[in-house]
């Protein structure tokens, strides 16, 4: 480690401690995404076992998302006041305990209650994760930490369906829930065992009194300021864009161009692999420049052009794969810069509440996007699935272009 790197680290922190902490936060993000997909792959078997409808099971996910969206910003305030690591450990333990209860007591009303509890825990993850990374990782490496964090979430989503189905096949769905709970408890225990250097804790405590009112700006006024609201809308737009690129891609291609399910899923699989690699590349790029807004705008432009091509032309299979991979590549490269832009408008000590608020844009976009995309498909306008994603890219470019960083970070 160079003298410059050592001086840039928080008091008492070493490079080894920093790497371990980043790994633990990434593991927590992996678990959060894994837990979010607990129900979906097991819908048919749980429905049959509990004797309920898909609509009744869907209510569990509705409660999960409503509670998570409502509590994420308040959780950010608690993160800044109490401490991110403490709340993150509590969230891991709470969600794991909730899903363990579902496995032990497989009753419908218990499932609803425990998924509501899971929503409470899920509200903590984003503000706590981002607060830890922003406060504890050296500025020169923060973009790479963000890229690992984003990739960990994607890997958690990818790992859930096959592993849950495998557990269900050999041990039953209740054991699948129990296994997911054990995974969360293991990460919580690892996070608890991490001993942050005393000097680092003292430095954080010394800085904490300034956090609630950094720069003399009341917290809620900060969240309603233009730069923060702009980032909120960027996160919301990214959820809508993802709807056309991923969630409704197979149905949209089938309705618009008659693309087979096999071909559409092949294109999506290749694109998702490209996306994972692009996130890591994006962290490397973002760490070598301060022009994160430019990276975001170019990335959104590339994604928008790719989605327009898919909407307007019945592309041959190789070109379809290339176009979709381009869209996912660009969004992947953008993700670390997206997080750096949020960081650039956030005062010190306010990372929990700011990231908690702006990432609520994901939830809000997730509420409205399915209805819009569903209407396009139901009323015979499948091109709208891809055109809306392209339009949202254009709107995102305009918003990012006008975001003004608060201070250099």
Protein backbone atom coordinates (compact mmCIF):
# COMPACT_ATOMS: atom_id res chain seq x y z
CA UNK A 1 0.00 0.00 0.00
CA UNK A 2 1.33 3.46 -0.87
CA UNK A 3 1.54 6.32 1.63
CA UNK A 4 -1.17 8.16 -0.30
CA UNK A 5 -3.54 5.18 -0.11
CA UNK A 6 -2.90 4.74 3.61
CA UNK A 7 -3.63 8.39 4.34
CA UNK A 8 -6.83 8.24 2.30
CA UNK A 9 -8.25 5.32 4.31
CA UNK A 10 -10.53 6.09 7.28
CA UNK A 11 -8.62 6.23 10.60
CA UNK A 12 -7.49 2.77 11.68
CA UNK A 13 -8.71 1.04 8.50
CA UNK A 14 -6.37 -1.07 6.40
CA UNK A 15 -6.71 -2.17 2.79
CA UNK A 16 -7.39 -5.71 4.01
CA UNK A 17 -10.20 -4.51 6.30
CA UNK A 18 -11.64 -2.43 3.49
CA UNK A 19 -11.69 -5.39 1.10
CA UNK A 20 -13.32 -7.63 3.68
CA UNK A 21 -15.97 -5.03 4.45
CA UNK A 22 -16.78 -4.61 0.75
CA UNK A 23 -17.06 -8.38 0.44
CA UNK A 24 -19.48 -8.55 3.37
CA UNK A 25 -21.66 -5.76 1.99
CA UNK A 26 -21.74 -7.51 -1.39
CA UNK A 27 -22.71 -10.76 0.34
CA UNK A 28 -25.57 -8.95 2.08
CA UNK A 29 -26.74 -7.56 -1.26
CA UNK A 30 -26.58 -11.07 -2.74
CA UNK A 31 -28.81 -12.33 0.09
CA UNK A 32 -31.29 -9.47 -0.33
CA UNK A 33 -31.82 -10.29 -4.00
CA UNK A 34 -31.93 -14.01 -3.26
CA UNK A 35 -34.64 -13.46 -0.65
CA UNK A 36 -36.63 -11.22 -3.00
CA UNK A 37 -37.01 -14.17 -5.41
CA UNK A 38 -37.89 -16.78 -2.79
CA UNK A 39 -41.55 -17.02 -3.74
CA UNK A 40 -41.62 -16.68 -7.54
CA UNK A 41 -39.85 -19.93 -8.57
CA UNK A 42 -41.90 -21.92 -6.04
CA UNK A 43 -45.32 -20.44 -6.87
CA UNK A 44 -46.89 -23.66 -8.26
CA UNK A 45 -45.81 -25.98 -5.46
CA UNK A 46 -46.64 -23.53 -2.65
CA UNK A 47 -50.01 -22.78 -4.24
CA UNK A 48 -50.85 -26.48 -4.34
CA UNK A 49 -49.60 -27.17 -0.82
CA UNK A 50 -51.42 -24.26 0.83
CA UNK A 51 -54.53 -24.54 -1.34
CA UNK A 52 -54.57 -20.89 -2.36
CA UNK A 53 -54.73 -19.01 -5.67
CA UNK A 54 -51.94 -17.24 -7.51
CA UNK A 55 -53.66 -13.96 -6.68
CA UNK A 56 -53.56 -14.78 -2.98
CA UNK A 57 -49.86 -15.65 -3.20
CA UNK A 58 -49.24 -12.49 -5.17
CA UNK A 59 -50.61 -10.53 -2.22
CA UNK A 60 -47.52 -11.57 -0.25
CA UNK A 61 -45.26 -9.90 -2.83
CA UNK A 62 -47.52 -6.83 -2.92
CA UNK A 63 -47.23 -6.43 0.85
CA UNK A 64 -43.47 -6.99 0.66
CA UNK A 65 -43.01 -4.23 -1.94
CA UNK A 66 -45.42 -1.70 -0.42
CA UNK A 67 -43.80 -1.98 3.02
CA UNK A 68 -40.31 -1.84 1.52
CA UNK A 69 -41.10 1.24 -0.54
CA UNK A 70 -42.76 3.02 2.40
CA UNK A 71 -39.96 2.34 4.88
CA UNK A 72 -36.82 2.66 2.74
CA UNK A 73 -36.39 6.41 3.23
CA UNK A 74 -37.10 6.28 7.00
CA UNK A 75 -34.62 3.40 7.15
CA UNK A 76 -32.06 5.72 5.55
CA UNK A 77 -32.57 8.22 8.37
CA UNK A 78 -31.99 5.47 10.92
CA UNK A 79 -28.87 4.34 9.06
CA UNK A 80 -27.36 7.82 9.37
CA UNK A 81 -28.36 8.11 13.02
CA UNK A 82 -27.78 4.62 14.47
CA UNK A 83 -25.19 3.15 12.13
CA UNK A 84 -25.38 1.21 8.88
CA UNK A 85 -23.63 -2.00 9.96
CA UNK A 86 -25.85 -2.51 13.01
CA UNK A 87 -29.02 -2.10 10.97
CA UNK A 88 -27.71 -4.27 8.14
CA UNK A 89 -27.00 -7.13 10.55
CA UNK A 90 -30.48 -6.67 12.02
CA UNK A 91 -32.07 -6.72 8.55
CA UNK A 92 -30.27 -9.93 7.60
CA UNK A 93 -31.32 -11.61 10.84
CA UNK A 94 -34.91 -10.34 10.61
CA UNK A 95 -35.50 -11.45 7.02
CA UNK A 96 -33.84 -14.82 7.65
CA UNK A 97 -35.96 -15.40 10.75
CA UNK A 98 -39.11 -14.47 8.82
CA UNK A 99 -38.48 -16.95 6.02
CA UNK A 100 -37.46 -19.64 8.50
CA UNK A 101 -40.85 -19.20 10.20
CA UNK A 102 -42.57 -19.70 6.82
CA UNK A 103 -40.69 -22.98 6.41
CA UNK A 104 -41.57 -24.13 9.92
CA UNK A 105 -45.20 -22.96 9.95
CA UNK A 106 -46.47 -23.19 6.35
CA UNK A 107 -49.83 -21.46 6.83
CA UNK A 108 -51.13 -18.80 4.42
CA UNK A 109 -51.66 -16.02 6.96
CA UNK A 110 -48.20 -16.71 8.43
CA UNK A 111 -46.71 -16.42 4.94
CA UNK A 112 -48.41 -13.02 4.45
CA UNK A 113 -47.20 -11.76 7.81
CA UNK A 114 -43.64 -12.97 7.31
CA UNK A 115 -43.34 -11.47 3.82
CA UNK A 116 -44.50 -8.18 5.33
CA UNK A 117 -41.71 -8.54 7.90
CA UNK A 118 -39.36 -9.35 5.02
CA UNK A 119 -40.37 -6.07 3.40
CA UNK A 120 -39.37 -4.22 6.57
CA UNK A 121 -35.93 -5.86 6.44
CA UNK A 122 -35.57 -5.24 2.71
CA UNK A 123 -36.05 -1.51 3.27
CA UNK A 124 -32.71 -1.40 5.10
CA UNK A 125 -30.43 -2.99 2.51
CA UNK A 126 -29.90 -0.21 -0.03
CA UNK A 127 -29.42 2.71 2.40
CA UNK A 128 -27.19 0.63 4.68
CA UNK A 129 -25.09 -0.88 1.88
CA UNK A 130 -24.45 2.44 0.16
CA UNK A 131 -23.75 4.24 3.44
CA UNK A 132 -21.10 1.68 4.43
CA UNK A 133 -19.42 1.78 1.03
CA UNK A 134 -19.52 5.59 0.78
CA UNK A 135 -18.15 6.11 4.29
CA UNK A 136 -15.59 3.32 4.46
CA UNK A 137 -14.09 2.89 0.98
CA UNK A 138 -11.35 5.12 -0.37
CA UNK A 139 -12.52 7.58 -3.03
CA UNK A 140 -10.21 6.06 -5.65
CA UNK A 141 -11.83 2.62 -5.21
CA UNK A 142 -15.45 3.52 -4.47
CA UNK A 143 -16.63 3.09 -8.07
CA UNK A 144 -15.24 -0.44 -8.18
CA UNK A 145 -16.91 -1.19 -4.85
CA UNK A 146 -20.21 0.00 -6.33
CA UNK A 147 -19.70 -2.25 -9.35
CA UNK A 148 -19.07 -5.32 -7.15
CA UNK A 149 -22.14 -4.40 -5.10
CA UNK A 150 -24.35 -4.17 -8.18
CA UNK A 151 -23.00 -7.43 -9.59
CA UNK A 152 -23.61 -9.23 -6.30
CA UNK A 153 -27.29 -8.33 -6.47
CA UNK A 154 -27.57 -9.65 -10.02
CA UNK A 155 -25.84 -12.89 -9.02
CA UNK A 156 -28.24 -13.29 -6.09
CA UNK A 157 -31.21 -13.00 -8.46
CA UNK A 158 -29.60 -15.46 -10.89
CA UNK A 159 -28.76 -18.01 -8.18
CA UNK A 160 -32.18 -18.09 -6.52
CA UNK A 161 -34.35 -19.94 -9.09
CA UNK A 162 -32.07 -22.95 -9.79
CA UNK A 163 -30.99 -23.49 -6.18
CA UNK A 164 -34.50 -23.10 -4.78
CA UNK A 165 -35.92 -25.51 -7.33
CA UNK A 166 -33.13 -27.99 -6.56
CA UNK A 167 -33.84 -27.82 -2.82
CA UNK A 168 -37.56 -28.17 -3.47
CA UNK A 169 -37.01 -31.23 -5.65
CA UNK A 170 -35.03 -33.16 -3.05
CA UNK A 171 -36.24 -31.74 0.27
CA UNK A 172 -39.45 -29.76 -0.37
CA UNK A 173 -40.21 -26.06 -0.57
CA UNK A 174 -40.18 -25.63 3.22
CA UNK A 175 -36.56 -26.75 3.28
CA UNK A 176 -35.83 -24.33 0.43
CA UNK A 177 -37.08 -21.48 2.63
CA UNK A 178 -35.06 -22.80 5.55
CA UNK A 179 -31.95 -22.98 3.37
CA UNK A 180 -32.43 -19.37 2.29
CA UNK A 181 -32.77 -18.40 5.95
CA UNK A 182 -29.54 -20.21 6.86
CA UNK A 183 -27.75 -18.31 4.08
CA UNK A 184 -28.88 -15.02 5.57
CA UNK A 185 -27.89 -16.03 9.10
CA UNK A 186 -24.40 -16.99 7.88
CA UNK A 187 -23.86 -13.58 6.28
CA UNK A 188 -25.24 -11.83 9.38
CA UNK A 189 -22.82 -13.81 11.56
CA UNK A 190 -19.91 -12.94 9.27
CA UNK A 191 -20.88 -9.26 9.38
CA UNK A 192 -21.12 -9.43 13.19
CA UNK A 193 -17.68 -11.05 13.46
CA UNK A 194 -16.06 -8.23 11.48
CA UNK A 195 -14.17 -6.08 13.96
CA UNK A 196 -13.86 -2.54 12.73
CA UNK A 197 -10.71 -0.89 14.11
CA UNK A 198 -11.36 1.22 17.20
CA UNK A 199 -9.79 4.27 15.57
CA UNK A 200 -12.17 3.94 12.62
CA UNK A 201 -15.19 3.70 14.93
CA UNK A 202 -13.97 6.72 16.86
CA UNK A 203 -13.55 8.69 13.65
CA UNK A 204 -17.07 7.82 12.56
CA UNK A 205 -18.50 8.75 15.94
CA UNK A 206 -16.64 12.05 15.88
CA UNK A 207 -18.10 12.90 12.49
CA UNK A 208 -21.61 11.72 13.33
CA UNK A 209 -22.90 14.86 15.14
CA UNK A 210 -22.61 16.83 11.90
CA UNK A 211 -24.53 14.27 9.88
CA UNK A 212 -28.15 15.17 10.65
CA UNK A 213 -27.75 18.71 9.40
CA UNK A 214 -24.71 18.74 7.15
CA UNK A 215 -24.16 22.15 5.67
CA UNK A 216 -27.05 23.55 7.72
CA UNK A 217 -29.62 21.94 5.38
CA UNK A 218 -32.61 20.17 7.01
CA UNK A 219 -32.86 16.52 5.98
CA UNK A 220 -36.25 16.64 4.30
CA UNK A 221 -35.30 19.80 2.45
CA UNK A 222 -32.21 17.99 1.22
CA UNK A 223 -34.32 15.10 -0.11
CA UNK A 224 -36.65 17.51 -1.90
CA UNK A 225 -33.76 19.44 -3.50
CA UNK A 226 -33.51 19.31 -7.28
CA UNK A 227 -30.34 17.17 -7.59
CA UNK A 228 -31.75 14.48 -5.28
CA UNK A 229 -35.13 14.45 -7.02
CA UNK A 230 -33.37 14.20 -10.40
CA UNK A 231 -31.52 11.10 -9.22
CA UNK A 232 -34.77 9.65 -7.87
CA UNK A 233 -36.34 9.96 -11.31
CA UNK A 234 -33.27 8.42 -12.97
CA UNK A 235 -33.65 5.33 -10.78
CA UNK A 236 -37.36 5.20 -11.59
CA UNK A 237 -36.66 5.47 -15.33
CA UNK A 238 -34.07 2.70 -15.12
CA UNK A 239 -36.72 0.35 -13.72
CA UNK A 240 -38.98 1.12 -16.68
CA UNK A 241 -36.09 0.69 -19.13
CA UNK A 242 -35.29 -2.66 -17.55
CA UNK A 243 -38.89 -3.72 -18.10
CA UNK A 244 -38.45 -3.52 -21.86
CA UNK A 245 -34.94 -5.01 -21.81
CA UNK A 246 -35.63 -7.93 -19.50
CA UNK A 247 -38.98 -8.50 -17.83
CA UNK A 248 -41.26 -8.07 -20.87
CA UNK A 249 -38.65 -8.79 -23.52
CA UNK A 250 -39.73 -12.35 -24.37
CA UNK A 251 -43.44 -11.53 -24.52
CA UNK A 252 -42.77 -8.33 -26.45
CA UNK A 253 -40.57 -9.95 -29.09
CA UNK A 254 -43.05 -12.79 -29.53
CA UNK A 255 -45.99 -10.43 -30.08
CA UNK A 256 -44.10 -7.93 -32.24
CA UNK A 257 -41.88 -10.07 -34.46
CA UNK A 258 -43.06 -13.60 -33.79
CA UNK A 259 -39.73 -14.42 -32.13
CA UNK A 260 -39.79 -17.85 -30.52
CA UNK A 261 -39.52 -18.19 -26.76
CA UNK A 262 -36.28 -20.17 -27.17
CA UNK A 263 -34.67 -17.50 -29.33
CA UNK A 264 -35.79 -14.61 -27.13
CA UNK A 265 -34.51 -16.34 -24.00
CA UNK A 266 -31.21 -17.13 -25.71
CA UNK A 267 -30.76 -13.46 -26.59
CA UNK A 268 -31.68 -12.45 -23.04
CA UNK A 269 -29.27 -14.95 -21.47
CA UNK A 270 -26.36 -13.72 -23.59
CA UNK A 271 -27.27 -10.11 -22.82
CA UNK A 272 -27.39 -10.74 -19.06
CA UNK A 273 -23.92 -12.31 -19.13
CA UNK A 274 -22.67 -9.27 -21.05
CA UNK A 275 -24.37 -7.03 -18.47
CA UNK A 276 -22.48 -8.63 -15.59
CA UNK A 277 -19.12 -8.13 -17.31
CA UNK A 278 -20.07 -4.56 -18.23
CA UNK A 279 -20.79 -3.68 -14.59
CA UNK A 280 -17.24 -4.61 -13.64
CA UNK A 281 -15.88 -2.66 -16.61
CA UNK A 282 -18.05 0.28 -15.61
CA UNK A 283 -16.51 0.30 -12.14
CA UNK A 284 -13.03 0.39 -13.65
CA UNK A 285 -13.97 3.21 -16.03
CA UNK A 286 -15.75 5.26 -13.37
CA UNK A 287 -12.67 5.01 -11.15
CA UNK A 288 -10.53 6.69 -13.79
CA UNK A 289 -12.62 9.76 -14.47
CA UNK A 290 -14.84 12.27 -12.73
CA UNK A 291 -17.08 12.65 -15.81
CA UNK A 292 -19.67 10.20 -14.56
CA UNK A 293 -22.55 12.15 -16.08
CA UNK A 294 -20.97 11.79 -19.53
CA UNK A 295 -20.61 8.04 -19.04
CA UNK A 296 -24.26 7.83 -18.01
CA UNK A 297 -25.47 9.88 -20.98
CA UNK A 298 -23.47 7.90 -23.55
CA UNK A 299 -24.66 4.66 -21.97
CA UNK A 300 -28.31 5.74 -22.08
CA UNK A 301 -27.85 6.81 -25.71
CA UNK A 302 -26.47 3.41 -26.66
CA UNK A 303 -29.30 1.63 -24.84
CA UNK A 304 -31.94 3.86 -26.45
CA UNK A 305 -30.59 3.27 -29.97
CA UNK A 306 -30.50 -0.50 -29.39
CA UNK A 307 -34.10 -0.55 -28.14
CA UNK A 308 -35.23 1.52 -31.13
CA UNK A 309 -33.63 -0.98 -33.50
CA UNK A 310 -35.43 -3.84 -31.76
CA UNK A 311 -38.75 -1.95 -31.92
CA UNK A 312 -38.51 -0.92 -35.58
CA UNK A 313 -36.86 -3.90 -37.25
CA UNK A 314 -37.34 -7.67 -37.22
CA UNK A 315 -33.64 -8.34 -36.80
CA UNK A 316 -32.00 -11.64 -37.73
CA UNK A 317 -31.11 -13.69 -34.65
CA UNK A 318 -27.39 -12.71 -34.58
CA UNK A 319 -28.25 -9.00 -34.89
CA UNK A 320 -31.01 -9.32 -32.27
CA UNK A 321 -28.52 -10.82 -29.85
CA UNK A 322 -26.03 -8.05 -30.65
CA UNK A 323 -28.60 -5.26 -30.24
CA UNK A 324 -29.91 -6.59 -26.93
CA UNK A 325 -26.37 -7.22 -25.69
CA UNK A 326 -25.48 -3.63 -26.60
CA UNK A 327 -28.40 -2.34 -24.53
CA UNK A 328 -27.39 -4.44 -21.51
CA UNK A 329 -23.72 -3.60 -21.96
CA UNK A 330 -24.44 0.12 -21.90
CA UNK A 331 -26.69 -0.10 -18.83
CA UNK A 332 -24.09 -2.24 -17.07
CA UNK A 333 -21.32 0.27 -17.73
CA UNK A 334 -23.61 3.03 -16.46
CA UNK A 335 -24.47 1.51 -13.08
CA UNK A 336 -21.31 2.42 -11.09
CA UNK A 337 -21.36 5.94 -12.58
CA UNK A 338 -25.06 6.21 -11.65
CA UNK A 339 -24.11 5.55 -8.02
CA UNK A 340 -21.19 7.99 -8.22
CA UNK A 341 -23.55 10.70 -9.46
CA UNK A 342 -25.75 10.19 -6.39
CA UNK A 343 -22.68 10.33 -4.20
CA UNK A 344 -21.59 13.59 -5.83
CA UNK A 345 -24.77 15.39 -4.75
CA UNK A 346 -24.83 13.97 -1.22
CA UNK A 347 -23.33 15.83 1.77
CA UNK A 348 -21.08 13.83 4.12
CA UNK A 349 -23.04 11.87 6.71
CA UNK A 350 -26.23 11.85 4.63
CA UNK A 351 -25.59 8.79 2.45
CA UNK A 352 -28.12 6.53 4.17
CA UNK A 353 -31.13 8.77 3.77
CA UNK A 354 -30.20 9.97 0.27
CA UNK A 355 -29.56 6.51 -1.16
CA UNK A 356 -32.61 5.24 0.70
CA UNK A 357 -34.73 7.89 -0.97
CA UNK A 358 -33.40 7.74 -4.52
CA UNK A 359 -33.47 3.93 -4.66
CA UNK A 360 -37.16 4.11 -3.76
CA UNK A 361 -37.42 5.14 -7.41
CA UNK A 362 -36.90 1.45 -8.20
CA UNK A 363 -40.02 0.60 -6.20
CA UNK A 364 -42.13 3.38 -7.70
CA UNK A 365 -41.11 2.41 -11.22
CA UNK A 366 -41.86 -1.21 -10.35
CA UNK A 367 -45.41 -0.26 -9.38
CA UNK A 368 -46.32 1.51 -12.63
CA UNK A 369 -44.18 -0.24 -15.25
CA UNK A 370 -46.05 -3.59 -15.22
CA UNK A 371 -49.38 -1.89 -15.83
CA UNK A 372 -48.01 0.14 -18.76
CA UNK A 373 -46.18 -2.76 -20.40
CA UNK A 374 -49.14 -5.07 -19.80
CA UNK A 375 -51.45 -2.59 -21.53
CA UNK A 376 -49.14 -2.41 -24.56
CA UNK A 377 -49.29 -6.19 -24.91
CA UNK A 378 -53.00 -6.58 -24.12
CA UNK A 379 -54.11 -3.90 -26.58
CA UNK A 380 -51.94 -5.02 -29.49
CA UNK A 381 -49.09 -2.48 -29.35
CA UNK A 382 -46.04 -4.62 -28.48
CA UNK A 383 -43.64 -2.15 -30.10
CA UNK A 384 -44.52 0.16 -27.21
CA UNK A 385 -42.59 -2.12 -24.85
CA UNK A 386 -39.34 -1.23 -26.59
CA UNK A 387 -40.24 2.30 -27.67
CA UNK A 388 -41.09 3.26 -24.08
CA UNK A 389 -37.68 2.02 -22.95
CA UNK A 390 -36.04 4.13 -25.68
CA UNK A 391 -38.06 7.21 -24.72
CA UNK A 392 -37.11 6.76 -21.06
CA UNK A 393 -33.45 6.63 -22.13
CA UNK A 394 -33.91 9.99 -23.83
CA UNK A 395 -35.57 11.51 -20.78
CA UNK A 396 -32.79 10.09 -18.62
CA UNK A 397 -30.15 11.76 -20.78
CA UNK A 398 -31.82 15.15 -20.30
CA UNK A 399 -32.07 14.68 -16.54
CA UNK A 400 -28.47 13.51 -16.10
CA UNK A 401 -27.26 16.37 -18.29
CA UNK A 402 -28.75 18.90 -15.85
CA UNK A 403 -27.64 17.33 -12.54
CA UNK A 404 -25.14 19.59 -10.82
CA UNK A 405 -22.80 17.97 -8.26
CA UNK A 406 -22.89 19.50 -4.81
CA UNK A 407 -19.16 19.19 -4.19
CA UNK A 408 -16.23 17.30 -5.65
CA UNK A 409 -16.02 13.84 -4.05
